[in-house]
């Protein structure tokens, strides 16, 4: 029984060592409000705002501009030849590799197959 307690204590110590460090910014120097990046959403507004990351702010290396007119339409309705062989259509439950291929267009869809976003990579 004592060996089990020792193992449990050692496991707890290892897990706590892997935890993320606390934020070192003193509360008085932290910003009072988050910077505004989008228009405020009014109560009851169901607009979805895409989450952007650094890769979204790079040059259009994959042909996003050509597919922007199809935002809000069904991915199944894209004309033949619109997508390159390397491009992919990803739904909310799709599995995808995490490698970054600048020439690859990712067509992001919702559960209904409607195009809600476009990303290079």
Protein backbone atom coordinates (compact mmCIF):
# COMPACT_ATOMS: atom_id res chain seq x y z
CA UNK A 1 0.00 0.00 0.00
CA UNK A 2 2.86 2.38 0.82
CA UNK A 3 4.44 1.82 -2.63
CA UNK A 4 1.14 2.86 -4.28
CA UNK A 5 1.02 6.09 -2.25
CA UNK A 6 4.62 6.90 -3.17
CA UNK A 7 3.92 6.24 -6.87
CA UNK A 8 0.81 8.42 -6.74
CA UNK A 9 2.75 11.27 -5.09
CA UNK A 10 5.52 10.96 -7.70
CA UNK A 11 2.94 11.03 -10.50
CA UNK A 12 1.31 14.16 -9.05
CA UNK A 13 4.72 15.84 -8.83
CA UNK A 14 5.53 15.00 -12.48
CA UNK A 15 2.17 16.30 -13.70
CA UNK A 16 2.54 19.57 -11.80
CA UNK A 17 6.05 20.02 -13.25
CA UNK A 18 4.59 19.83 -16.77
CA UNK A 19 1.96 22.49 -16.11
CA UNK A 20 2.24 25.79 -17.97
CA UNK A 21 4.07 28.53 -16.06
CA UNK A 22 1.99 31.22 -14.43
CA UNK A 23 1.62 34.54 -16.23
CA UNK A 24 4.49 36.73 -15.02
CA UNK A 25 2.74 40.01 -15.89
CA UNK A 26 1.77 41.87 -12.72
CA UNK A 27 -1.96 42.68 -12.61
CA UNK A 28 -1.35 46.43 -12.54
CA UNK A 29 0.54 46.34 -15.86
CA UNK A 30 -1.93 44.08 -17.67
CA UNK A 31 -4.13 45.82 -20.24
CA UNK A 32 -7.55 46.80 -18.94
CA UNK A 33 -9.38 45.61 -22.05
CA UNK A 34 -8.52 43.43 -24.99
CA UNK A 35 -7.72 45.28 -28.22
CA UNK A 36 -10.66 45.53 -30.60
CA UNK A 37 -10.24 43.37 -33.66
CA UNK A 38 -13.81 43.20 -34.89
CA UNK A 39 -17.05 45.10 -34.62
CA UNK A 40 -18.90 44.33 -31.40
CA UNK A 41 -21.54 41.65 -31.67
CA UNK A 42 -24.91 42.71 -30.38
CA UNK A 43 -26.93 40.45 -28.15
CA UNK A 44 -28.73 37.80 -30.17
CA UNK A 45 -26.44 38.27 -33.17
CA UNK A 46 -25.44 34.81 -34.40
CA UNK A 47 -22.67 35.96 -36.75
CA UNK A 48 -19.67 33.66 -36.78
CA UNK A 49 -16.27 35.32 -36.80
CA UNK A 50 -13.43 33.19 -38.20
CA UNK A 51 -10.42 32.69 -36.01
CA UNK A 52 -7.31 34.07 -37.71
CA UNK A 53 -3.74 33.07 -37.16
CA UNK A 54 -0.40 34.26 -38.54
CA UNK A 55 -0.65 32.02 -41.61
CA UNK A 56 -3.85 33.83 -42.64
CA UNK A 57 -1.91 37.08 -43.06
CA UNK A 58 0.47 35.84 -45.75
CA UNK A 59 0.33 36.40 -49.50
CA UNK A 60 -2.34 34.58 -51.51
CA UNK A 61 -0.18 31.65 -52.61
CA UNK A 62 -3.02 29.19 -53.14
CA UNK A 63 -5.73 31.01 -55.10
CA UNK A 64 -8.09 32.24 -52.39
CA UNK A 65 -9.21 35.25 -54.43
CA UNK A 66 -10.62 33.03 -57.19
CA UNK A 67 -12.86 31.17 -54.74
CA UNK A 68 -14.10 34.11 -52.63
CA UNK A 69 -17.26 34.42 -54.77
CA UNK A 70 -18.21 30.88 -53.67
CA UNK A 71 -18.28 31.70 -49.94
CA UNK A 72 -21.71 30.81 -48.62
CA UNK A 73 -22.42 28.24 -51.35
CA UNK A 74 -22.25 24.46 -51.15
CA UNK A 75 -18.80 23.00 -51.76
CA UNK A 76 -20.45 20.30 -53.87
CA UNK A 77 -21.56 23.03 -56.30
CA UNK A 78 -18.01 24.16 -57.13
CA UNK A 79 -17.48 23.91 -60.90
CA UNK A 80 -15.27 21.08 -62.11
CA UNK A 81 -11.63 22.13 -62.37
CA UNK A 82 -11.97 24.84 -59.71
CA UNK A 83 -9.82 22.97 -57.21
CA UNK A 84 -6.28 21.76 -57.85
CA UNK A 85 -5.38 18.14 -57.00
CA UNK A 86 -3.50 19.32 -53.90
CA UNK A 87 -6.49 21.36 -52.58
CA UNK A 88 -8.81 19.91 -49.97
CA UNK A 89 -12.33 20.45 -48.67
CA UNK A 90 -12.50 20.20 -44.87
CA UNK A 91 -15.61 19.92 -42.74
CA UNK A 92 -15.84 20.40 -38.96
CA UNK A 93 -15.06 16.73 -38.33
CA UNK A 94 -12.44 16.30 -41.07
CA UNK A 95 -8.99 15.07 -40.18
CA UNK A 96 -6.13 16.85 -41.91
CA UNK A 97 -2.37 16.79 -41.78
CA UNK A 98 -0.77 19.77 -40.07
CA UNK A 99 1.98 20.31 -42.64
CA UNK A 100 1.94 23.75 -44.27
CA UNK A 101 1.83 23.70 -48.07
CA UNK A 102 1.59 27.32 -49.33
CA UNK A 103 0.11 26.24 -52.69
CA UNK A 104 -2.66 24.15 -51.09
CA UNK A 105 -6.12 25.72 -50.71
CA UNK A 106 -8.20 24.54 -47.76
CA UNK A 107 -11.92 25.03 -48.36
CA UNK A 108 -13.56 25.08 -44.92
CA UNK A 109 -17.20 24.00 -44.70
CA UNK A 110 -19.83 23.73 -41.99
CA UNK A 111 -21.81 20.57 -41.21
CA UNK A 112 -24.15 21.31 -44.14
CA UNK A 113 -21.26 21.45 -46.64
CA UNK A 114 -21.53 25.24 -47.08
CA UNK A 115 -18.22 27.02 -47.63
CA UNK A 116 -17.49 29.22 -44.61
CA UNK A 117 -13.78 29.92 -45.05
CA UNK A 118 -10.71 29.65 -47.26
CA UNK A 119 -7.11 29.24 -46.08
CA UNK A 120 -3.78 28.56 -47.70
CA UNK A 121 -1.80 25.71 -46.25
